[in-house]
Amino acid sequence: MKTFDKNYKLLEEMYQDGYFPDFLVDKVKAELQKVIDLLEKGETDREAVQEKLDEAVCAINDLQEEFDENDSEIETVARDCIGESVGYILAWFGIPIDVEEAIRERDW
């Protein structure tokens, strides 16, 4: 079974930008890690992977209020950064899901 690229830093741009509190970026990362964990177990079924992505994105949606409470928001930089990380994860594991489809449940 393939493990995720240890050299790739998920959400790096968000971590480098002081606008995004690290503890909240950690929560976003934890949701993406759930997708990675599924893929590392060898899951390749597109529907199963998309279901896990939908769960992760909905959980990230739920963080918006907490971002607001900390004078931050999931805005353009965050959207691009999350999308880029999801795209990298899918490419790394060879899962043929378009990034826009992968994060289809987003409301940010």
N, C-alpha and C. Protein backbone atom coordinates (compact mmCIF):
# COMPACT_ATOMS: atom_id res chain seq x y z
N MET A 1 0.83 -1.19 0.00
CA MET A 1 0.00 0.00 0.00
C MET A 1 0.88 1.26 0.00
N LYS A 2 0.41 2.22 -0.73
CA LYS A 2 1.16 3.47 -0.88
C LYS A 2 0.89 4.40 0.30
N THR A 3 1.97 5.02 0.79
CA THR A 3 1.82 6.02 1.84
C THR A 3 1.93 7.41 1.21
N PHE A 4 1.37 8.38 1.90
CA PHE A 4 1.37 9.74 1.39
C PHE A 4 2.78 10.32 1.40
N ASP A 5 3.03 11.22 0.49
CA ASP A 5 4.30 11.91 0.32
C ASP A 5 4.69 12.66 1.61
N LYS A 6 5.69 12.17 2.28
CA LYS A 6 6.14 12.78 3.55
C LYS A 6 6.75 14.17 3.33
N ASN A 7 7.15 14.48 2.11
CA ASN A 7 7.78 15.77 1.82
C ASN A 7 6.77 16.87 1.48
N TYR A 8 5.53 16.47 1.26
CA TYR A 8 4.51 17.47 0.90
C TYR A 8 3.88 18.04 2.17
N LYS A 9 3.84 19.34 2.24
CA LYS A 9 3.26 20.01 3.41
C LYS A 9 1.83 20.45 3.08
N LEU A 10 0.88 19.74 3.64
CA LEU A 10 -0.52 20.10 3.44
C LEU A 10 -0.78 21.52 3.95
N LEU A 11 -1.52 22.27 3.16
CA LEU A 11 -1.97 23.61 3.56
C LEU A 11 -0.83 24.56 3.91
N GLU A 12 0.31 24.39 3.28
CA GLU A 12 1.50 25.17 3.61
C GLU A 12 1.25 26.68 3.55
N GLU A 13 0.56 27.12 2.52
CA GLU A 13 0.33 28.57 2.36
C GLU A 13 -0.52 29.12 3.51
N MET A 14 -1.48 28.34 3.98
CA MET A 14 -2.29 28.79 5.12
C MET A 14 -1.46 28.86 6.39
N TYR A 15 -0.58 27.89 6.58
CA TYR A 15 0.29 27.91 7.76
C TYR A 15 1.24 29.10 7.73
N GLN A 16 1.67 29.50 6.55
CA GLN A 16 2.62 30.60 6.44
C GLN A 16 1.96 31.97 6.57
N ASP A 17 0.64 32.02 6.44
CA ASP A 17 -0.09 33.28 6.49
C ASP A 17 -0.68 33.48 7.88
N GLY A 18 -0.23 34.49 8.58
CA GLY A 18 -0.69 34.76 9.94
C GLY A 18 -2.18 35.03 10.06
N TYR A 19 -2.84 35.29 8.95
CA TYR A 19 -4.28 35.54 8.95
C TYR A 19 -5.07 34.30 9.41
N PHE A 20 -4.48 33.12 9.17
CA PHE A 20 -5.14 31.86 9.51
C PHE A 20 -4.53 31.29 10.79
N PRO A 21 -5.30 31.23 11.88
CA PRO A 21 -4.76 30.66 13.12
C PRO A 21 -4.33 29.20 12.91
N ASP A 22 -3.12 28.89 13.35
CA ASP A 22 -2.60 27.53 13.14
C ASP A 22 -3.51 26.45 13.70
N PHE A 23 -4.13 26.71 14.86
CA PHE A 23 -4.96 25.67 15.44
C PHE A 23 -6.18 25.36 14.57
N LEU A 24 -6.65 26.35 13.80
CA LEU A 24 -7.75 26.10 12.88
C LEU A 24 -7.27 25.43 11.60
N VAL A 25 -6.10 25.82 11.14
CA VAL A 25 -5.53 25.14 9.97
C VAL A 25 -5.27 23.67 10.33
N ASP A 26 -4.86 23.43 11.57
CA ASP A 26 -4.67 22.04 12.03
C ASP A 26 -5.97 21.25 11.91
N LYS A 27 -7.10 21.90 12.21
CA LYS A 27 -8.40 21.21 12.11
C LYS A 27 -8.75 20.89 10.66
N VAL A 28 -8.44 21.81 9.75
CA VAL A 28 -8.66 21.56 8.32
C VAL A 28 -7.76 20.39 7.88
N LYS A 29 -6.51 20.45 8.30
CA LYS A 29 -5.56 19.40 7.96
C LYS A 29 -6.03 18.04 8.47
N ALA A 30 -6.58 18.01 9.67
CA ALA A 30 -7.06 16.75 10.25
C ALA A 30 -8.16 16.13 9.38
N GLU A 31 -9.00 16.97 8.80
CA GLU A 31 -10.05 16.46 7.91
C GLU A 31 -9.44 15.89 6.63
N LEU A 32 -8.45 16.57 6.08
CA LEU A 32 -7.78 16.05 4.88
C LEU A 32 -7.03 14.76 5.21
N GLN A 33 -6.51 14.68 6.42
CA GLN A 33 -5.79 13.48 6.83
C GLN A 33 -6.71 12.26 6.84
N LYS A 34 -7.97 12.44 7.13
CA LYS A 34 -8.93 11.33 7.11
C LYS A 34 -9.06 10.76 5.69
N VAL A 35 -9.00 11.63 4.70
CA VAL A 35 -9.03 11.19 3.30
C VAL A 35 -7.75 10.43 2.99
N ILE A 36 -6.63 10.99 3.41
CA ILE A 36 -5.33 10.33 3.19
C ILE A 36 -5.32 8.95 3.85
N ASP A 37 -5.82 8.87 5.08
CA ASP A 37 -5.84 7.58 5.79
C ASP A 37 -6.62 6.53 5.00
N LEU A 38 -7.76 6.93 4.45
CA LEU A 38 -8.56 6.01 3.63
C LEU A 38 -7.77 5.54 2.42
N LEU A 39 -7.12 6.47 1.75
CA LEU A 39 -6.35 6.14 0.55
C LEU A 39 -5.13 5.28 0.88
N GLU A 40 -4.52 5.53 2.00
CA GLU A 40 -3.36 4.73 2.40
C GLU A 40 -3.75 3.28 2.71
N LYS A 41 -5.01 3.06 3.03
CA LYS A 41 -5.51 1.70 3.27
C LYS A 41 -5.77 0.96 1.96
N GLY A 42 -5.60 1.68 0.85
CA GLY A 42 -5.75 1.04 -0.45
C GLY A 42 -7.08 1.29 -1.14
N GLU A 43 -7.90 2.13 -0.57
CA GLU A 43 -9.20 2.42 -1.20
C GLU A 43 -9.00 3.13 -2.53
N THR A 44 -9.62 2.61 -3.57
CA THR A 44 -9.52 3.23 -4.89
C THR A 44 -10.89 3.47 -5.52
N ASP A 45 -11.95 3.00 -4.88
CA ASP A 45 -13.29 3.19 -5.41
C ASP A 45 -13.64 4.67 -5.38
N ARG A 46 -13.94 5.21 -6.56
CA ARG A 46 -14.21 6.65 -6.66
C ARG A 46 -15.35 7.10 -5.76
N GLU A 47 -16.40 6.31 -5.69
CA GLU A 47 -17.54 6.70 -4.86
C GLU A 47 -17.18 6.74 -3.39
N ALA A 48 -16.40 5.76 -2.93
CA ALA A 48 -15.99 5.73 -1.52
C ALA A 48 -15.07 6.90 -1.21
N VAL A 49 -14.16 7.21 -2.12
CA VAL A 49 -13.24 8.33 -1.92
C VAL A 49 -14.02 9.64 -1.94
N GLN A 50 -14.96 9.78 -2.89
CA GLN A 50 -15.75 11.01 -2.95
C GLN A 50 -16.60 11.19 -1.70
N GLU A 51 -17.13 10.10 -1.18
CA GLU A 51 -17.92 10.17 0.06
C GLU A 51 -17.06 10.70 1.21
N LYS A 52 -15.83 10.21 1.31
CA LYS A 52 -14.93 10.68 2.38
C LYS A 52 -14.56 12.14 2.15
N LEU A 53 -14.35 12.53 0.89
CA LEU A 53 -14.07 13.93 0.58
C LEU A 53 -15.25 14.83 0.97
N ASP A 54 -16.46 14.37 0.65
CA ASP A 54 -17.65 15.15 1.01
C ASP A 54 -17.73 15.34 2.52
N GLU A 55 -17.45 14.28 3.28
CA GLU A 55 -17.46 14.37 4.74
C GLU A 55 -16.42 15.39 5.22
N ALA A 56 -15.22 15.33 4.64
CA ALA A 56 -14.15 16.24 5.04
C ALA A 56 -14.52 17.69 4.72
N VAL A 57 -15.05 17.91 3.54
CA VAL A 57 -15.41 19.27 3.14
C VAL A 57 -16.54 19.81 4.00
N CYS A 58 -17.52 18.98 4.31
CA CYS A 58 -18.61 19.43 5.19
C CYS A 58 -18.08 19.78 6.58
N ALA A 59 -17.12 19.01 7.07
CA ALA A 59 -16.51 19.31 8.37
C ALA A 59 -15.74 20.64 8.30
N ILE A 60 -15.08 20.90 7.17
CA ILE A 60 -14.38 22.17 6.99
C ILE A 60 -15.40 23.31 6.91
N ASN A 61 -16.52 23.07 6.24
CA ASN A 61 -17.60 24.07 6.21
C ASN A 61 -18.00 24.47 7.63
N ASP A 62 -18.08 23.48 8.50
CA ASP A 62 -18.50 23.72 9.88
C ASP A 62 -17.50 24.55 10.68
N LEU A 63 -16.29 24.70 10.17
CA LEU A 63 -15.26 25.49 10.86
C LEU A 63 -15.37 26.99 10.57
N GLN A 64 -16.21 27.36 9.63
CA GLN A 64 -16.25 28.77 9.21
C GLN A 64 -16.56 29.72 10.36
N GLU A 65 -17.50 29.36 11.20
CA GLU A 65 -17.84 30.23 12.32
C GLU A 65 -16.65 30.40 13.26
N GLU A 66 -15.92 29.31 13.47
CA GLU A 66 -14.75 29.39 14.34
C GLU A 66 -13.66 30.27 13.72
N PHE A 67 -13.51 30.21 12.40
CA PHE A 67 -12.58 31.12 11.73
C PHE A 67 -13.03 32.55 11.97
N ASP A 68 -14.33 32.81 11.78
CA ASP A 68 -14.87 34.17 11.99
C ASP A 68 -14.60 34.66 13.40
N GLU A 69 -14.80 33.81 14.38
CA GLU A 69 -14.59 34.18 15.79
C GLU A 69 -13.13 34.53 16.08
N ASN A 70 -12.23 34.09 15.20
CA ASN A 70 -10.81 34.34 15.37
C ASN A 70 -10.29 35.33 14.32
N ASP A 71 -11.19 36.21 13.88
CA ASP A 71 -10.84 37.27 12.91
C ASP A 71 -10.18 36.74 11.66
N SER A 72 -10.72 35.64 11.15
CA SER A 72 -10.22 35.02 9.93
C SER A 72 -11.43 34.49 9.16
N GLU A 73 -11.19 33.98 7.98
CA GLU A 73 -12.26 33.34 7.23
C GLU A 73 -11.66 32.43 6.17
N ILE A 74 -12.47 31.51 5.72
CA ILE A 74 -12.05 30.64 4.62
C ILE A 74 -12.39 31.42 3.35
N GLU A 75 -11.38 32.11 2.82
CA GLU A 75 -11.55 32.97 1.66
C GLU A 75 -10.65 32.51 0.52
N THR A 76 -10.37 33.36 -0.42
CA THR A 76 -9.70 32.97 -1.65
C THR A 76 -8.39 32.21 -1.42
N VAL A 77 -7.52 32.73 -0.58
CA VAL A 77 -6.25 32.05 -0.33
C VAL A 77 -6.50 30.66 0.26
N ALA A 78 -7.40 30.59 1.22
CA ALA A 78 -7.70 29.30 1.85
C ALA A 78 -8.34 28.35 0.85
N ARG A 79 -9.29 28.84 0.06
CA ARG A 79 -9.94 27.99 -0.95
C ARG A 79 -8.92 27.40 -1.90
N ASP A 80 -8.04 28.26 -2.40
CA ASP A 80 -7.01 27.79 -3.34
C ASP A 80 -6.08 26.79 -2.68
N CYS A 81 -5.69 27.08 -1.46
CA CYS A 81 -4.76 26.22 -0.73
C CYS A 81 -5.38 24.85 -0.44
N ILE A 82 -6.62 24.84 0.01
CA ILE A 82 -7.31 23.58 0.29
C ILE A 82 -7.48 22.80 -1.02
N GLY A 83 -7.90 23.48 -2.07
CA GLY A 83 -8.07 22.83 -3.37
C GLY A 83 -6.77 22.24 -3.88
N GLU A 84 -5.68 22.99 -3.72
CA GLU A 84 -4.38 22.52 -4.16
C GLU A 84 -3.96 21.26 -3.38
N SER A 85 -4.18 21.27 -2.09
CA SER A 85 -3.84 20.11 -1.27
C SER A 85 -4.67 18.89 -1.66
N VAL A 86 -5.97 19.10 -1.87
CA VAL A 86 -6.84 17.99 -2.30
C VAL A 86 -6.38 17.46 -3.66
N GLY A 87 -6.06 18.36 -4.57
CA GLY A 87 -5.58 17.94 -5.88
C GLY A 87 -4.31 17.13 -5.79
N TYR A 88 -3.40 17.54 -4.92
CA TYR A 88 -2.15 16.81 -4.75
C TYR A 88 -2.41 15.42 -4.19
N ILE A 89 -3.28 15.34 -3.19
CA ILE A 89 -3.62 14.05 -2.58
C ILE A 89 -4.17 13.10 -3.65
N LEU A 90 -5.13 13.58 -4.43
CA LEU A 90 -5.74 12.74 -5.46
C LEU A 90 -4.72 12.31 -6.51
N ALA A 91 -3.88 13.23 -6.93
CA ALA A 91 -2.85 12.89 -7.93
C ALA A 91 -1.86 11.88 -7.37
N TRP A 92 -1.44 12.07 -6.13
CA TRP A 92 -0.47 11.19 -5.49
C TRP A 92 -0.96 9.74 -5.48
N PHE A 93 -2.25 9.59 -5.19
CA PHE A 93 -2.81 8.25 -5.11
C PHE A 93 -3.45 7.79 -6.42
N GLY A 94 -3.38 8.61 -7.46
CA GLY A 94 -3.90 8.23 -8.76
C GLY A 94 -5.41 8.09 -8.81
N ILE A 95 -6.10 8.92 -8.06
CA ILE A 95 -7.56 8.88 -8.03
C ILE A 95 -8.09 9.90 -9.05
N PRO A 96 -8.80 9.45 -10.08
CA PRO A 96 -9.23 10.34 -11.16
C PRO A 96 -10.51 11.12 -10.83
N ILE A 97 -10.41 12.00 -9.84
CA ILE A 97 -11.53 12.87 -9.50
C ILE A 97 -11.04 14.31 -9.68
N ASP A 98 -11.81 15.09 -10.43
CA ASP A 98 -11.50 16.49 -10.64
C ASP A 98 -11.59 17.23 -9.30
N VAL A 99 -10.70 18.16 -9.07
CA VAL A 99 -10.66 18.88 -7.80
C VAL A 99 -11.99 19.58 -7.52
N GLU A 100 -12.58 20.21 -8.51
CA GLU A 100 -13.86 20.90 -8.29
C GLU A 100 -14.93 19.92 -7.85
N GLU A 101 -14.92 18.73 -8.43
CA GLU A 101 -15.88 17.70 -8.01
C GLU A 101 -15.53 17.21 -6.61
N ALA A 102 -14.24 17.07 -6.34
CA ALA A 102 -13.79 16.56 -5.04
C ALA A 102 -14.25 17.45 -3.89
N ILE A 103 -14.27 18.76 -4.12
CA ILE A 103 -14.66 19.69 -3.05
C ILE A 103 -16.04 20.30 -3.32
N ARG A 104 -16.88 19.54 -3.99
CA ARG A 104 -18.19 20.02 -4.43
C ARG A 104 -19.11 20.45 -3.30
N GLU A 105 -18.89 19.95 -2.10
CA GLU A 105 -19.77 20.28 -0.97
C GLU A 105 -19.38 21.58 -0.26
N ARG A 106 -18.35 22.24 -0.73
CA ARG A 106 -17.88 23.44 -0.04
C ARG A 106 -18.91 24.56 -0.14
N ASP A 107 -18.94 25.36 0.90
CA ASP A 107 -19.75 26.59 0.84
C ASP A 107 -18.87 27.78 1.20
N TRP A 108 -17.62 27.70 0.82
CA TRP A 108 -16.66 28.77 1.02
C TRP A 108 -16.02 29.09 -0.31
